[in-house]
């Protein structure tokens, strides 16, 4: 049996600039997938942070 290589996850703290950028994208209704590629964060991480901040994300609000 061949063991599958696991991807090492690196946690990055949310800076004030990151949060500001997320809020701008929220107002602009930028698709979450596009934000994820720009910020190099997962869609789940973006959604969790938006939920904690109390802002909507993506087009479904």
Protein backbone atom coordinates (compact mmCIF):
# COMPACT_ATOMS: atom_id res chain seq x y z
CA UNK A 1 0.00 0.00 0.00
CA UNK A 2 1.34 3.39 -1.02
CA UNK A 3 0.90 6.18 1.49
CA UNK A 4 -0.63 9.34 0.05
CA UNK A 5 1.42 12.51 0.54
CA UNK A 6 -0.41 14.95 2.77
CA UNK A 7 -0.34 18.64 2.06
CA UNK A 8 1.22 20.71 4.84
CA UNK A 9 -1.10 23.54 5.85
CA UNK A 10 0.42 26.83 6.84
CA UNK A 11 -1.67 29.11 9.04
CA UNK A 12 -1.40 32.79 8.31
CA UNK A 13 -2.72 35.41 10.67
CA UNK A 14 -5.28 37.90 9.39
CA UNK A 15 -3.74 41.36 9.22
CA UNK A 16 -5.73 44.59 9.31
CA UNK A 17 -4.96 45.01 5.61
CA UNK A 18 -6.34 41.52 4.87
CA UNK A 19 -9.58 42.33 6.70
CA UNK A 20 -9.90 45.67 4.92
CA UNK A 21 -9.42 43.95 1.55
CA UNK A 22 -12.04 41.33 2.45
CA UNK A 23 -14.55 44.06 3.30
CA UNK A 24 -13.88 45.84 -0.01
CA UNK A 25 -14.48 42.61 -1.92
CA UNK A 26 -17.65 42.05 0.10
CA UNK A 27 -19.06 45.42 -0.96
CA UNK A 28 -18.01 44.82 -4.57
CA UNK A 29 -19.63 41.35 -4.48
CA UNK A 30 -16.52 39.70 -5.88
CA UNK A 31 -16.95 35.91 -6.31
CA UNK A 32 -15.41 33.98 -3.42
CA UNK A 33 -13.31 31.77 -5.71
CA UNK A 34 -11.69 34.86 -7.23
CA UNK A 35 -10.96 36.32 -3.77
CA UNK A 36 -9.45 32.99 -2.70
CA UNK A 37 -7.02 33.01 -5.63
CA UNK A 38 -6.02 36.64 -5.04
CA UNK A 39 -5.49 36.28 -1.28
CA UNK A 40 -4.06 32.74 -1.46
CA UNK A 41 -6.53 31.56 1.18
CA UNK A 42 -9.12 28.81 0.98
CA UNK A 43 -12.78 29.51 0.28
CA UNK A 44 -13.64 28.04 3.68
CA UNK A 45 -11.19 30.34 5.46
CA UNK A 46 -12.68 33.37 3.72
CA UNK A 47 -16.23 32.35 4.54
CA UNK A 48 -15.37 31.71 8.21
CA UNK A 49 -13.67 35.10 8.56
CA UNK A 50 -16.59 36.86 6.86
CA UNK A 51 -19.00 35.09 9.20
CA UNK A 52 -16.97 36.18 12.24
CA UNK A 53 -16.87 39.77 10.95
CA UNK A 54 -20.58 39.72 10.21
CA UNK A 55 -20.22 40.58 6.54
CA UNK A 56 -21.65 38.85 3.49
CA UNK A 57 -19.42 37.23 0.92
CA UNK A 58 -20.06 36.24 -2.68
CA UNK A 59 -23.25 36.75 -4.62
CA UNK A 60 -25.63 34.78 -2.39
CA UNK A 61 -26.74 37.07 0.39
